[in-house]
């Protein structure tokens, strides 16, 4: 079972990987709708305390 820190790291990795591989995100400075969704998922995980240290 993945830990909370793993979930936060996975969300961040997915967002960063998308920015590198998406043609629109790579060329434009404006993130595409998928990048916005991935960033929102990452921010929600971080806000919910996922991955916080003691």
C-alpha atoms as a PDB file:
ATOM      1  CA  UNK A   1       0.000   0.000   0.000  1.00  0.00           C
ATOM      2  CA  UNK A   2       1.484   3.356  -0.984  1.00  0.00           C
ATOM      3  CA  UNK A   3       2.183   5.858   1.756  1.00  0.00           C
ATOM      4  CA  UNK A   4       0.877   9.414   1.758  1.00  0.00           C
ATOM      5  CA  UNK A   5       4.311  10.712   0.804  1.00  0.00           C
ATOM      6  CA  UNK A   6       4.368   8.345  -2.156  1.00  0.00           C
ATOM      7  CA  UNK A   7       1.032   9.695  -3.379  1.00  0.00           C
ATOM      8  CA  UNK A   8       2.287  13.276  -3.175  1.00  0.00           C
ATOM      9  CA  UNK A   9       5.505  12.397  -4.991  1.00  0.00           C
ATOM     10  CA  UNK A  10       3.578  10.515  -7.682  1.00  0.00           C
ATOM     11  CA  UNK A  11       1.261  13.484  -8.289  1.00  0.00           C
ATOM     12  CA  UNK A  12       4.244  15.808  -8.613  1.00  0.00           C
ATOM     13  CA  UNK A  13       6.080  13.406 -10.932  1.00  0.00           C
ATOM     14  CA  UNK A  14       3.041  13.010 -13.184  1.00  0.00           C
ATOM     15  CA  UNK A  15       2.649  16.793 -13.459  1.00  0.00           C
ATOM     16  CA  UNK A  16       6.324  17.405 -14.234  1.00  0.00           C
ATOM     17  CA  UNK A  17       6.463  14.543 -16.733  1.00  0.00           C
ATOM     18  CA  UNK A  18       3.397  15.905 -18.494  1.00  0.00           C
ATOM     19  CA  UNK A  19       4.978  19.347 -18.828  1.00  0.00           C
ATOM     20  CA  UNK A  20       8.012  17.752 -20.508  1.00  0.00           C
ATOM     21  CA  UNK A  21       6.091  15.462 -22.867  1.00  0.00           C
ATOM     22  CA  UNK A  22       3.022  17.505 -23.821  1.00  0.00           C
ATOM     23  CA  UNK A  23       3.567  19.363 -27.055  1.00  0.00           C
ATOM     24  CA  UNK A  24       1.371  22.287 -26.040  1.00  0.00           C
ATOM     25  CA  UNK A  25       2.914  22.682 -22.589  1.00  0.00           C
ATOM     26  CA  UNK A  26       6.436  22.331 -23.943  1.00  0.00           C
ATOM     27  CA  UNK A  27       6.037  24.955 -26.669  1.00  0.00           C
ATOM     28  CA  UNK A  28       3.669  27.403 -24.973  1.00  0.00           C
ATOM     29  CA  UNK A  29       4.171  29.016 -21.623  1.00  0.00           C
ATOM     30  CA  UNK A  30       0.499  28.429 -20.834  1.00  0.00           C
ATOM     31  CA  UNK A  31      -0.292  24.972 -19.432  1.00  0.00           C
ATOM     32  CA  UNK A  32      -2.920  22.890 -21.210  1.00  0.00           C
ATOM     33  CA  UNK A  33      -6.114  21.718 -19.443  1.00  0.00           C
ATOM     34  CA  UNK A  34      -4.562  18.359 -18.552  1.00  0.00           C
ATOM     35  CA  UNK A  35      -1.598  20.083 -16.900  1.00  0.00           C
ATOM     36  CA  UNK A  36      -3.997  22.258 -14.913  1.00  0.00           C
ATOM     37  CA  UNK A  37      -5.865  19.152 -13.747  1.00  0.00           C
ATOM     38  CA  UNK A  38      -2.623  17.410 -12.714  1.00  0.00           C
ATOM     39  CA  UNK A  39      -1.442  20.510 -10.873  1.00  0.00           C
ATOM     40  CA  UNK A  40      -4.775  20.730  -9.066  1.00  0.00           C
ATOM     41  CA  UNK A  41      -4.448  17.075  -7.991  1.00  0.00           C
ATOM     42  CA  UNK A  42      -0.934  17.762  -6.684  1.00  0.00           C
ATOM     43  CA  UNK A  43      -2.038  20.886  -4.822  1.00  0.00           C
ATOM     44  CA  UNK A  44      -5.004  19.043  -3.287  1.00  0.00           C
ATOM     45  CA  UNK A  45      -2.744  16.229  -2.077  1.00  0.00           C
ATOM     46  CA  UNK A  46      -0.327  18.744  -0.589  1.00  0.00           C
ATOM     47  CA  UNK A  47      -3.120  20.775   1.007  1.00  0.00           C
ATOM     48  CA  UNK A  48      -4.703  17.675   2.567  1.00  0.00           C
ATOM     49  CA  UNK A  49      -1.486  17.074   4.451  1.00  0.00           C
ATOM     50  CA  UNK A  50      -0.249  14.247   2.274  1.00  0.00           C
ATOM     51  CA  UNK A  51       3.443  13.897   2.734  1.00  0.00           C
ATOM     52  CA  UNK A  52       3.748  16.225   5.710  1.00  0.00           C
ATOM     53  CA  UNK A  53       6.535  15.443   8.082  1.00  0.00           C
ATOM     54  CA  UNK A  54       5.796  15.087  11.814  1.00  0.00           C
END
